[in-house]
Amino acid sequence: MTSGWRRSTTNGGASTERRETIMAERKNTTADTPLWYTEDELASLLRVHRSTVSRRVRAGSFPLTPLVVGAKRLYAASEVHRLAGLAV
């Protein structure tokens, strides 16, 4: 039994096509890109061993300055991408 009420093809005022466009844009944003990298992640991106990064940081010959949080060293993603030649 129908009451004559018909469900709209829109969702919250946005058409299905518009909603899909918004979702695609969200996937293409840098929200998936971290703001900071750990030393392990940095070494992986640069394709070197973790101890190489650690050793060069301690020696002062590494081009990035880490943010030290407790025993961890964190590196700004923007600087890591610049160093690695990655486009974000």
Protein backbone atom coordinates (compact mmCIF):
# COMPACT_ATOMS: atom_id res chain seq x y z
CA MET A 1 0.00 0.00 0.00
CA THR A 2 1.51 3.30 -1.04
CA SER A 3 0.58 6.60 0.48
CA GLY A 4 1.48 8.65 -2.55
CA TRP A 5 4.70 9.76 -0.86
CA ARG A 6 7.66 9.12 -3.10
CA ARG A 7 11.24 8.99 -1.94
CA SER A 8 13.30 11.72 -3.53
CA THR A 9 16.34 10.85 -5.62
CA THR A 10 18.28 13.42 -3.71
CA ASN A 11 20.05 12.91 -0.45
CA GLY A 12 20.09 15.86 1.90
CA GLY A 13 19.54 18.28 -0.95
CA ALA A 14 22.41 16.94 -3.07
CA SER A 15 21.80 14.81 -6.13
CA THR A 16 23.36 11.38 -6.33
CA GLU A 17 25.74 12.63 -9.02
CA ARG A 18 26.80 15.57 -6.87
CA ARG A 19 27.28 13.30 -3.85
CA GLU A 20 29.50 11.00 -5.92
CA THR A 21 31.52 13.99 -7.11
CA ILE A 22 32.00 15.18 -3.53
CA MET A 23 33.10 11.71 -2.42
CA ALA A 24 35.59 11.49 -5.31
CA GLU A 25 37.01 14.89 -4.36
CA ARG A 26 37.42 13.78 -0.77
CA LYS A 27 39.37 10.73 -1.89
CA ASN A 28 41.72 12.93 -3.91
CA THR A 29 42.50 15.30 -1.06
CA THR A 30 45.58 15.10 1.09
CA ALA A 31 43.51 13.92 4.05
CA ASP A 32 45.01 10.47 3.50
CA THR A 33 48.51 11.92 3.58
CA PRO A 34 49.98 12.07 7.07
CA LEU A 35 51.28 15.35 8.45
CA TRP A 36 54.26 13.64 10.08
CA TYR A 37 56.39 10.61 9.27
CA THR A 38 58.21 8.40 11.73
CA GLU A 39 61.83 7.49 11.15
CA ASP A 40 60.81 4.05 9.83
CA GLU A 41 58.34 5.57 7.36
CA LEU A 42 60.89 8.16 6.27
CA ALA A 43 63.53 5.49 5.66
CA SER A 44 61.04 3.49 3.62
CA LEU A 45 60.14 6.50 1.46
CA LEU A 46 63.81 7.33 0.88
CA ARG A 47 64.65 3.66 0.31
CA VAL A 48 67.38 3.55 2.90
CA HIS A 49 67.74 1.63 6.14
CA ARG A 50 66.31 3.15 9.30
CA SER A 51 69.73 3.21 10.95
CA THR A 52 71.07 5.31 8.06
CA VAL A 53 68.51 8.01 8.77
CA SER A 54 69.13 7.81 12.52
CA ARG A 55 72.92 7.94 12.12
CA ARG A 56 72.82 10.93 9.76
CA VAL A 57 70.43 12.83 12.05
CA ARG A 58 72.74 12.29 15.04
CA ALA A 59 75.75 13.36 12.95
CA GLY A 60 73.93 16.51 11.83
CA SER A 61 74.31 15.65 8.14
CA PHE A 62 70.62 14.98 7.46
CA PRO A 63 68.80 17.78 5.62
CA LEU A 64 65.65 17.57 7.78
CA THR A 65 65.21 18.58 11.39
CA PRO A 66 63.07 16.14 13.37
CA LEU A 67 60.47 16.95 15.97
CA VAL A 68 61.44 14.87 18.98
CA VAL A 69 58.47 13.49 20.90
CA GLY A 70 59.61 11.29 23.75
CA ALA A 71 61.91 8.74 22.16
CA LYS A 72 60.43 9.21 18.65
CA ARG A 73 61.64 11.49 15.91
CA LEU A 74 58.92 12.82 13.61
CA TYR A 75 59.48 14.53 10.27
CA ALA A 76 57.13 17.02 8.60
CA ALA A 77 55.49 15.41 5.57
CA SER A 78 55.89 18.54 3.43
CA GLU A 79 59.65 18.52 3.97
CA VAL A 80 59.90 14.75 3.45
CA HIS A 81 58.01 15.02 0.14
CA ARG A 82 60.24 17.88 -0.99
CA LEU A 83 63.36 15.86 -0.14
CA ALA A 84 62.05 12.68 -1.77
CA GLY A 85 60.77 14.51 -4.84
CA LEU A 86 57.21 13.37 -4.25
CA ALA A 87 54.25 15.40 -5.50
CA VAL A 88 51.34 15.72 -3.10
